[in-house]
Amino acid sequence: MTLTAHVPTPNASRYLQQLCKHWSHKFDVTFDAEQGVIPFPMGPIRMKAEPEALVVTIEPKADADVERFKQVVADHLDRFAFREAPLTFDWQ
């Protein structure tokens, strides 16, 4: 299963980098200004910065609590986006 959300924001690159740096002390994160991958325990988180949106894709493992996974990602991004929060996640 793969779920993707297009999160409207003009600060996609900033939030992508902040989230990757935040989790880089726990996980072997790879990222640059346009994309990032966090090998999260519940499954990988992939992000891509677009001009007006952050595209977030999660790939929950079979035993993952999908709703909790989505909430963890949203909560962390909302912390970095406190001026815009809450961000809109249209998971599909």
PDB file of N, CA and C in Angstrom:
ATOM      1  N   MET A   1       0.840  -1.179   0.000  1.00  0.00           N
ATOM      2  CA  MET A   1       0.000   0.000   0.000  1.00  0.00           C
ATOM      3  C   MET A   1       0.884   1.240   0.000  1.00  0.00           C
ATOM      4  N   THR A   2       0.491   2.191  -0.798  1.00  0.00           N
ATOM      5  CA  THR A   2       1.183   3.478  -0.856  1.00  0.00           C
ATOM      6  C   THR A   2       0.132   4.568  -0.754  1.00  0.00           C
ATOM      7  N   LEU A   3       0.381   5.551   0.113  1.00  0.00           N
ATOM      8  CA  LEU A   3      -0.516   6.689   0.259  1.00  0.00           C
ATOM      9  C   LEU A   3       0.264   7.962  -0.033  1.00  0.00           C
ATOM     10  N   THR A   4      -0.351   8.860  -0.792  1.00  0.00           N
ATOM     11  CA  THR A   4       0.308  10.106  -1.149  1.00  0.00           C
ATOM     12  C   THR A   4      -0.604  11.281  -0.817  1.00  0.00           C
ATOM     13  N   ALA A   5       0.012  12.338  -0.282  1.00  0.00           N
ATOM     14  CA  ALA A   5      -0.715  13.574   0.003  1.00  0.00           C
ATOM     15  C   ALA A   5       0.005  14.734  -0.669  1.00  0.00           C
ATOM     16  N   HIS A   6      -0.764  15.595  -1.306  1.00  0.00           N
ATOM     17  CA  HIS A   6      -0.249  16.852  -1.859  1.00  0.00           C
ATOM     18  C   HIS A   6      -0.607  17.922  -0.838  1.00  0.00           C
ATOM     19  N   VAL A   7       0.400  18.455  -0.184  1.00  0.00           N
ATOM     20  CA  VAL A   7       0.208  19.406   0.905  1.00  0.00           C
ATOM     21  C   VAL A   7       0.514  20.809   0.382  1.00  0.00           C
ATOM     22  N   PRO A   8      -0.509  21.626   0.199  1.00  0.00           N
ATOM     23  CA  PRO A   8      -0.279  22.972  -0.341  1.00  0.00           C
ATOM     24  C   PRO A   8       0.570  23.826   0.616  1.00  0.00           C
ATOM     25  N   THR A   9       1.674  24.341   0.111  1.00  0.00           N
ATOM     26  CA  THR A   9       2.538  25.250   0.853  1.00  0.00           C
ATOM     27  C   THR A   9       3.583  25.838  -0.086  1.00  0.00           C
ATOM     28  N   PRO A  10       3.906  27.099   0.072  1.00  0.00           N
ATOM     29  CA  PRO A  10       4.997  27.673  -0.713  1.00  0.00           C
ATOM     30  C   PRO A  10       6.370  27.368  -0.105  1.00  0.00           C
ATOM     31  N   ASN A  11       6.370  26.674   1.035  1.00  0.00           N
ATOM     32  CA  ASN A  11       7.608  26.380   1.766  1.00  0.00           C
ATOM     33  C   ASN A  11       7.958  24.899   1.772  1.00  0.00           C
ATOM     34  N   ALA A  12       7.615  24.202   0.714  1.00  0.00           N
ATOM     35  CA  ALA A  12       7.800  22.753   0.660  1.00  0.00           C
ATOM     36  C   ALA A  12       9.248  22.335   0.888  1.00  0.00           C
ATOM     37  N   SER A  13      10.176  22.980   0.235  1.00  0.00           N
ATOM     38  CA  SER A  13      11.584  22.606   0.371  1.00  0.00           C
ATOM     39  C   SER A  13      12.063  22.802   1.807  1.00  0.00           C
ATOM     40  N   ARG A  14      11.685  23.887   2.413  1.00  0.00           N
ATOM     41  CA  ARG A  14      12.087  24.159   3.795  1.00  0.00           C
ATOM     42  C   ARG A  14      11.576  23.081   4.747  1.00  0.00           C
ATOM     43  N   TYR A  15      10.293  22.726   4.628  1.00  0.00           N
ATOM     44  CA  TYR A  15       9.716  21.729   5.528  1.00  0.00           C
ATOM     45  C   TYR A  15      10.295  20.345   5.278  1.00  0.00           C
ATOM     46  N   LEU A  16      10.524  20.006   4.026  1.00  0.00           N
ATOM     47  CA  LEU A  16      11.150  18.730   3.677  1.00  0.00           C
ATOM     48  C   LEU A  16      12.508  18.625   4.365  1.00  0.00           C
ATOM     49  N   GLN A  17      13.328  19.655   4.231  1.00  0.00           N
ATOM     50  CA  GLN A  17      14.669  19.630   4.821  1.00  0.00           C
ATOM     51  C   GLN A  17      14.619  19.613   6.349  1.00  0.00           C
ATOM     52  N   GLN A  18      13.700  20.359   6.934  1.00  0.00           N
ATOM     53  CA  GLN A  18      13.591  20.378   8.395  1.00  0.00           C
ATOM     54  C   GLN A  18      13.189  19.010   8.927  1.00  0.00           C
ATOM     55  N   LEU A  19      12.214  18.372   8.280  1.00  0.00           N
ATOM     56  CA  LEU A  19      11.767  17.065   8.746  1.00  0.00           C
ATOM     57  C   LEU A  19      12.878  16.027   8.587  1.00  0.00           C
ATOM     58  N   CYS A  20      13.577  16.071   7.474  1.00  0.00           N
ATOM     59  CA  CYS A  20      14.677  15.125   7.259  1.00  0.00           C
ATOM     60  C   CYS A  20      15.797  15.341   8.280  1.00  0.00           C
ATOM     61  N   LYS A  21      16.160  16.584   8.531  1.00  0.00           N
ATOM     62  CA  LYS A  21      17.199  16.867   9.531  1.00  0.00           C
ATOM     63  C   LYS A  21      16.746  16.428  10.918  1.00  0.00           C
ATOM     64  N   HIS A  22      15.467  16.645  11.224  1.00  0.00           N
ATOM     65  CA  HIS A  22      14.917  16.266  12.520  1.00  0.00           C
ATOM     66  C   HIS A  22      15.086  14.775  12.788  1.00  0.00           C
ATOM     67  N   TRP A  23      14.813  13.956  11.775  1.00  0.00           N
ATOM     68  CA  TRP A  23      14.880  12.505  11.960  1.00  0.00           C
ATOM     69  C   TRP A  23      16.236  11.909  11.589  1.00  0.00           C
ATOM     70  N   SER A  24      17.160  12.732  11.110  1.00  0.00           N
ATOM     71  CA  SER A  24      18.456  12.197  10.681  1.00  0.00           C
ATOM     72  C   SER A  24      19.307  11.686  11.844  1.00  0.00           C
ATOM     73  N   HIS A  25      19.011  12.100  13.071  1.00  0.00           N
ATOM     74  CA  HIS A  25      19.774  11.603  14.218  1.00  0.00           C
ATOM     75  C   HIS A  25      19.324  10.202  14.633  1.00  0.00           C
ATOM     76  N   LYS A  26      18.153   9.766  14.124  1.00  0.00           N
ATOM     77  CA  LYS A  26      17.640   8.430  14.456  1.00  0.00           C
ATOM     78  C   LYS A  26      17.694   7.448  13.290  1.00  0.00           C
ATOM     79  N   PHE A  27      17.598   7.980  12.066  1.00  0.00           N
ATOM     80  CA  PHE A  27      17.490   7.127  10.885  1.00  0.00           C
ATOM     81  C   PHE A  27      18.490   7.560   9.825  1.00  0.00           C
ATOM     82  N   ASP A  28      18.777   6.655   8.890  1.00  0.00           N
ATOM     83  CA  ASP A  28      19.706   6.934   7.797  1.00  0.00           C
ATOM     84  C   ASP A  28      18.953   7.672   6.688  1.00  0.00           C
ATOM     85  N   VAL A  29      18.755   8.954   6.900  1.00  0.00           N
ATOM     86  CA  VAL A  29      17.957   9.802   6.018  1.00  0.00           C
ATOM     87  C   VAL A  29      18.792  10.287   4.834  1.00  0.00           C
ATOM     88  N   THR A  30      18.170  10.360   3.667  1.00  0.00           N
ATOM     89  CA  THR A  30      18.822  10.972   2.502  1.00  0.00           C
ATOM     90  C   THR A  30      17.907  12.092   2.005  1.00  0.00           C
ATOM     91  N   PHE A  31      18.514  13.246   1.697  1.00  0.00           N
ATOM     92  CA  PHE A  31      17.698  14.347   1.214  1.00  0.00           C
ATOM     93  C   PHE A  31      18.560  15.430   0.580  1.00  0.00           C
ATOM     94  N   ASP A  32      17.895  16.253  -0.209  1.00  0.00           N
ATOM     95  CA  ASP A  32      18.455  17.494  -0.715  1.00  0.00           C
ATOM     96  C   ASP A  32      17.308  18.496  -0.698  1.00  0.00           C
ATOM     97  N   ALA A  33      17.443  19.601  -1.384  1.00  0.00           N
ATOM     98  CA  ALA A  33      16.413  20.646  -1.333  1.00  0.00           C
ATOM     99  C   ALA A  33      15.109  20.247  -2.028  1.00  0.00           C
ATOM    100  N   GLU A  34      15.161  19.227  -2.890  1.00  0.00           N
ATOM    101  CA  GLU A  34      13.973  18.861  -3.651  1.00  0.00           C
ATOM    102  C   GLU A  34      13.312  17.545  -3.284  1.00  0.00           C
ATOM    103  N   GLN A  35      14.071  16.645  -2.643  1.00  0.00           N
ATOM    104  CA  GLN A  35      13.471  15.358  -2.289  1.00  0.00           C
ATOM    105  C   GLN A  35      14.160  14.755  -1.082  1.00  0.00           C
ATOM    106  N   GLY A  36      13.436  13.870  -0.413  1.00  0.00           N
ATOM    107  CA  GLY A  36      14.006  13.221   0.757  1.00  0.00           C
ATOM    108  C   GLY A  36      13.335  11.884   1.026  1.00  0.00           C
ATOM    109  N   VAL A  37      14.086  10.999   1.691  1.00  0.00           N
ATOM    110  CA  VAL A  37      13.569   9.686   2.084  1.00  0.00           C
ATOM    111  C   VAL A  37      13.963   9.446   3.528  1.00  0.00           C
ATOM    112  N   ILE A  38      12.968   9.082   4.338  1.00  0.00           N
ATOM    113  CA  ILE A  38      13.202   8.751   5.740  1.00  0.00           C
ATOM    114  C   ILE A  38      12.781   7.296   5.921  1.00  0.00           C
ATOM    115  N   PRO A  39      13.728   6.407   6.266  1.00  0.00           N
ATOM    116  CA  PRO A  39      13.375   5.001   6.477  1.00  0.00           C
ATOM    117  C   PRO A  39      12.751   4.821   7.868  1.00  0.00           C
ATOM    118  N   PHE A  40      11.520   5.241   8.007  1.00  0.00           N
ATOM    119  CA  PHE A  40      10.797   5.224   9.276  1.00  0.00           C
ATOM    120  C   PHE A  40      10.442   3.787   9.659  1.00  0.00           C
ATOM    121  N   PRO A  41      10.356   3.457  10.941  1.00  0.00           N
ATOM    122  CA  PRO A  41      10.043   2.084  11.360  1.00  0.00           C
ATOM    123  C   PRO A  41       8.720   1.552  10.815  1.00  0.00           C
ATOM    124  N   MET A  42       7.720   2.428  10.635  1.00  0.00           N
ATOM    125  CA  MET A  42       6.424   1.992  10.121  1.00  0.00           C
ATOM    126  C   MET A  42       6.439   1.817   8.607  1.00  0.00           C
ATOM    127  N   GLY A  43       7.504   2.285   7.957  1.00  0.00           N
ATOM    128  CA  GLY A  43       7.628   2.234   6.501  1.00  0.00           C
ATOM    129  C   GLY A  43       8.278   3.515   6.022  1.00  0.00           C
ATOM    130  N   PRO A  44       8.782   3.531   4.810  1.00  0.00           N
ATOM    131  CA  PRO A  44       9.474   4.722   4.319  1.00  0.00           C
ATOM    132  C   PRO A  44       8.538   5.906   4.091  1.00  0.00           C
ATOM    133  N   ILE A  45       9.110   7.093   4.309  1.00  0.00           N
ATOM    134  CA  ILE A  45       8.442   8.355   4.002  1.00  0.00           C
ATOM    135  C   ILE A  45       9.253   8.987   2.876  1.00  0.00           C
ATOM    136  N   ARG A  46       8.593   9.296   1.769  1.00  0.00           N
ATOM    137  CA  ARG A  46       9.259   9.940   0.640  1.00  0.00           C
ATOM    138  C   ARG A  46       8.609  11.306   0.443  1.00  0.00           C
ATOM    139  N   MET A  47       9.438  12.318   0.223  1.00  0.00           N
ATOM    140  CA  MET A  47       8.916  13.661   0.033  1.00  0.00           C
ATOM    141  C   MET A  47       9.548  14.313  -1.188  1.00  0.00           C
ATOM    142  N   LYS A  48       8.739  15.128  -1.851  1.00  0.00           N
ATOM    143  CA  LYS A  48       9.216  15.877  -3.009  1.00  0.00           C
ATOM    144  C   LYS A  48       8.685  17.294  -2.890  1.00  0.00           C
ATOM    145  N   ALA A  49       9.570  18.273  -3.012  1.00  0.00           N
ATOM    146  CA  ALA A  49       9.172  19.671  -2.954  1.00  0.00           C
ATOM    147  C   ALA A  49       8.804  20.158  -4.343  1.00  0.00           C
ATOM    148  N   GLU A  50       7.607  20.662  -4.477  1.00  0.00           N
ATOM    149  CA  GLU A  50       7.154  21.306  -5.701  1.00  0.00           C
ATOM    150  C   GLU A  50       6.981  22.790  -5.392  1.00  0.00           C
ATOM    151  N   PRO A  51       6.840  23.641  -6.403  1.00  0.00           N
ATOM    152  CA  PRO A  51       6.746  25.086  -6.144  1.00  0.00           C
ATOM    153  C   PRO A  51       5.627  25.484  -5.177  1.00  0.00           C
ATOM    154  N   GLU A  52       4.486  24.810  -5.238  1.00  0.00           N
ATOM    155  CA  GLU A  52       3.352  25.197  -4.389  1.00  0.00           C
ATOM    156  C   GLU A  52       2.830  24.071  -3.507  1.00  0.00           C
ATOM    157  N   ALA A  53       3.598  22.983  -3.390  1.00  0.00           N
ATOM    158  CA  ALA A  53       3.131  21.865  -2.566  1.00  0.00           C
ATOM    159  C   ALA A  53       4.287  20.946  -2.173  1.00  0.00           C
ATOM    160  N   LEU A  54       4.097  20.292  -1.048  1.00  0.00           N
ATOM    161  CA  LEU A  54       4.989  19.225  -0.621  1.00  0.00           C
ATOM    162  C   LEU A  54       4.246  17.919  -0.885  1.00  0.00           C
ATOM    163  N   VAL A  55       4.837  17.053  -1.688  1.00  0.00           N
ATOM    164  CA  VAL A  55       4.231  15.759  -1.976  1.00  0.00           C
ATOM    165  C   VAL A  55       4.841  14.755  -1.009  1.00  0.00           C
ATOM    166  N   VAL A  56       3.986  14.166  -0.171  1.00  0.00           N
ATOM    167  CA  VAL A  56       4.433  13.224   0.856  1.00  0.00           C
ATOM    168  C   VAL A  56       3.855  11.858   0.519  1.00  0.00           C
ATOM    169  N   THR A  57       4.720  10.862   0.415  1.00  0.00           N
ATOM    170  CA  THR A  57       4.290   9.492   0.148  1.00  0.00           C
ATOM    171  C   THR A  57       4.771   8.604   1.281  1.00  0.00           C
ATOM    172  N   ILE A  58       3.843   7.823   1.834  1.00  0.00           N
ATOM    173  CA  ILE A  58       4.207   6.848   2.859  1.00  0.00           C
ATOM    174  C   ILE A  58       3.891   5.460   2.324  1.00  0.00           C
ATOM    175  N   GLU A  59       4.724   4.520   2.722  1.00  0.00           N
ATOM    176  CA  GLU A  59       4.537   3.131   2.319  1.00  0.00           C
ATOM    177  C   GLU A  59       4.487   2.286   3.579  1.00  0.00           C
ATOM    178  N   PRO A  60       3.307   2.243   4.233  1.00  0.00           N
ATOM    179  CA  PRO A  60       3.196   1.520   5.499  1.00  0.00           C
ATOM    180  C   PRO A  60       3.496   0.031   5.357  1.00  0.00           C
ATOM    181  N   LYS A  61       4.228  -0.479   6.348  1.00  0.00           N
ATOM    182  CA  LYS A  61       4.469  -1.922   6.399  1.00  0.00           C
ATOM    183  C   LYS A  61       3.155  -2.612   6.736  1.00  0.00           C
ATOM    184  N   ALA A  62       3.081  -3.908   6.489  1.00  0.00           N
ATOM    185  CA  ALA A  62       1.848  -4.666   6.674  1.00  0.00           C
ATOM    186  C   ALA A  62       1.283  -4.544   8.090  1.00  0.00           C
ATOM    187  N   ASP A  63       2.161  -4.462   9.088  1.00  0.00           N
ATOM    188  CA  ASP A  63       1.694  -4.409  10.477  1.00  0.00           C
ATOM    189  C   ASP A  63       1.574  -2.981  11.019  1.00  0.00           C
ATOM    190  N   ALA A  64       1.748  -1.979  10.170  1.00  0.00           N
ATOM    191  CA  ALA A  64       1.719  -0.583  10.617  1.00  0.00           C
ATOM    192  C   ALA A  64       0.290  -0.107  10.863  1.00  0.00           C
ATOM    193  N   ASP A  65       0.146   0.753  11.841  1.00  0.00           N
ATOM    194  CA  ASP A  65      -1.105   1.450  12.094  1.00  0.00           C
ATOM    195  C   ASP A  65      -1.124   2.650  11.134  1.00  0.00           C
ATOM    196  N   VAL A  66      -1.823   2.513  10.029  1.00  0.00           N
ATOM    197  CA  VAL A  66      -1.780   3.500   8.952  1.00  0.00           C
ATOM    198  C   VAL A  66      -2.257   4.875   9.427  1.00  0.00           C
ATOM    199  N   GLU A  67      -3.344   4.909  10.189  1.00  0.00           N
ATOM    200  CA  GLU A  67      -3.853   6.199  10.672  1.00  0.00           C
ATOM    201  C   GLU A  67      -2.839   6.877  11.588  1.00  0.00           C
ATOM    202  N   ARG A  68      -2.188   6.113  12.437  1.00  0.00           N
ATOM    203  CA  ARG A  68      -1.163   6.673  13.326  1.00  0.00           C
ATOM    204  C   ARG A  68       0.025   7.180  12.515  1.00  0.00           C
ATOM    205  N   PHE A  69       0.431   6.426  11.502  1.00  0.00           N
ATOM    206  CA  PHE A  69       1.536   6.806  10.624  1.00  0.00           C
ATOM    207  C   PHE A  69       1.239   8.158   9.972  1.00  0.00           C
ATOM    208  N   LYS A  70       0.044   8.297   9.393  1.00  0.00           N
ATOM    209  CA  LYS A  70      -0.336   9.554   8.759  1.00  0.00           C
ATOM    210  C   LYS A  70      -0.319  10.696   9.776  1.00  0.00           C
ATOM    211  N   GLN A  71      -0.786  10.427  10.986  1.00  0.00           N
ATOM    212  CA  GLN A  71      -0.852  11.461  12.013  1.00  0.00           C
ATOM    213  C   GLN A  71       0.531  11.893  12.478  1.00  0.00           C
ATOM    214  N   VAL A  72       1.456  10.941  12.618  1.00  0.00           N
ATOM    215  CA  VAL A  72       2.831  11.270  13.021  1.00  0.00           C
ATOM    216  C   VAL A  72       3.473  12.208  11.995  1.00  0.00           C
ATOM    217  N   VAL A  73       3.309  11.891  10.725  1.00  0.00           N
ATOM    218  CA  VAL A  73       3.878  12.729   9.668  1.00  0.00           C
ATOM    219  C   VAL A  73       3.242  14.112   9.699  1.00  0.00           C
ATOM    220  N   ALA A  74       1.923  14.179   9.772  1.00  0.00           N
ATOM    221  CA  ALA A  74       1.220  15.466   9.787  1.00  0.00           C
ATOM    222  C   ALA A  74       1.594  16.295  11.010  1.00  0.00           C
ATOM    223  N   ASP A  75       1.637  15.678  12.179  1.00  0.00           N
ATOM    224  CA  ASP A  75       1.977  16.405  13.409  1.00  0.00           C
ATOM    225  C   ASP A  75       3.370  17.017  13.332  1.00  0.00           C
ATOM    226  N   HIS A  76       4.334  16.242  12.837  1.00  0.00           N
ATOM    227  CA  HIS A  76       5.701  16.757  12.743  1.00  0.00           C
ATOM    228  C   HIS A  76       5.806  17.893  11.734  1.00  0.00           C
ATOM    229  N   LEU A  77       5.166  17.737  10.588  1.00  0.00           N
ATOM    230  CA  LEU A  77       5.220  18.814   9.599  1.00  0.00           C
ATOM    231  C   LEU A  77       4.502  20.068  10.105  1.00  0.00           C
ATOM    232  N   ASP A  78       3.406  19.893  10.814  1.00  0.00           N
ATOM    233  CA  ASP A  78       2.698  21.051  11.373  1.00  0.00           C
ATOM    234  C   ASP A  78       3.565  21.811  12.377  1.00  0.00           C
ATOM    235  N   ARG A  79       4.406  21.115  13.116  1.00  0.00           N
ATOM    236  CA  ARG A  79       5.306  21.802  14.046  1.00  0.00           C
ATOM    237  C   ARG A  79       6.265  22.724  13.305  1.00  0.00           C
ATOM    238  N   PHE A  80       6.791  22.264  12.189  1.00  0.00           N
ATOM    239  CA  PHE A  80       7.722  23.087  11.418  1.00  0.00           C
ATOM    240  C   PHE A  80       6.977  24.192  10.662  1.00  0.00           C
ATOM    241  N   ALA A  81       5.727  23.953  10.338  1.00  0.00           N
ATOM    242  CA  ALA A  81       4.921  24.907   9.580  1.00  0.00           C
ATOM    243  C   ALA A  81       3.987  25.688  10.500  1.00  0.00           C
ATOM    244  N   PHE A  82       4.432  25.988  11.702  1.00  0.00           N
ATOM    245  CA  PHE A  82       3.537  26.586  12.697  1.00  0.00           C
ATOM    246  C   PHE A  82       2.877  27.874  12.210  1.00  0.00           C
ATOM    247  N   ARG A  83       3.519  28.598  11.308  1.00  0.00           N
ATOM    248  CA  ARG A  83       2.903  29.824  10.780  1.00  0.00           C
ATOM    249  C   ARG A  83       1.747  29.519   9.826  1.00  0.00           C
ATOM    250  N   GLU A  84       1.765  28.329   9.227  1.00  0.00           N
ATOM    251  CA  GLU A  84       0.719  27.922   8.283  1.00  0.00           C
ATOM    252  C   GLU A  84      -0.212  26.862   8.858  1.00  0.00           C
ATOM    253  N   ALA A  85       0.166  26.241   9.935  1.00  0.00           N
ATOM    254  CA  ALA A  85      -0.546  25.077  10.469  1.00  0.00           C
ATOM    255  C   ALA A  85      -1.986  25.414  10.834  1.00  0.00           C
ATOM    256  N   PRO A  86      -2.839  24.418  10.729  1.00  0.00           N
ATOM    257  CA  PRO A  86      -2.536  23.063  10.291  1.00  0.00           C
ATOM    258  C   PRO A  86      -2.507  22.961   8.759  1.00  0.00           C
ATOM    259  N   LEU A  87      -1.545  22.213   8.272  1.00  0.00           N
ATOM    260  CA  LEU A  87      -1.437  21.960   6.843  1.00  0.00           C
ATOM    261  C   LEU A  87      -2.544  20.998   6.426  1.00  0.00           C
ATOM    262  N   THR A  88      -2.884  21.016   5.160  1.00  0.00           N
ATOM    263  CA  THR A  88      -3.928  20.150   4.624  1.00  0.00           C
ATOM    264  C   THR A  88      -3.302  18.934   3.950  1.00  0.00           C
ATOM    265  N   PHE A  89      -3.660  17.751   4.420  1.00  0.00           N
ATOM    266  CA  PHE A  89      -3.172  16.492   3.860  1.00  0.00           C
ATOM    267  C   PHE A  89      -4.348  15.780   3.194  1.00  0.00           C
ATOM    268  N   ASP A  90      -4.262  15.593   1.887  1.00  0.00           N
ATOM    269  CA  ASP A  90      -5.329  14.910   1.142  1.00  0.00           C
ATOM    270  C   ASP A  90      -4.862  13.504   0.773  1.00  0.00           C
ATOM    271  N   TRP A  91      -4.693  12.654   1.786  1.00  0.00           N
ATOM    272  CA  TRP A  91      -4.154  11.295   1.561  1.00  0.00           C
ATOM    273  C   TRP A  91      -5.007  10.538   0.565  1.00  0.00           C
ATOM    274  N   GLN A  92      -4.318   9.929  -0.410  1.00  0.00           N
ATOM    275  CA  GLN A  92      -5.007   9.105  -1.417  1.00  0.00           C
ATOM    276  C   GLN A  92      -4.216   7.840  -1.647  1.00  0.00           C
TER     277      GLN A  92
END
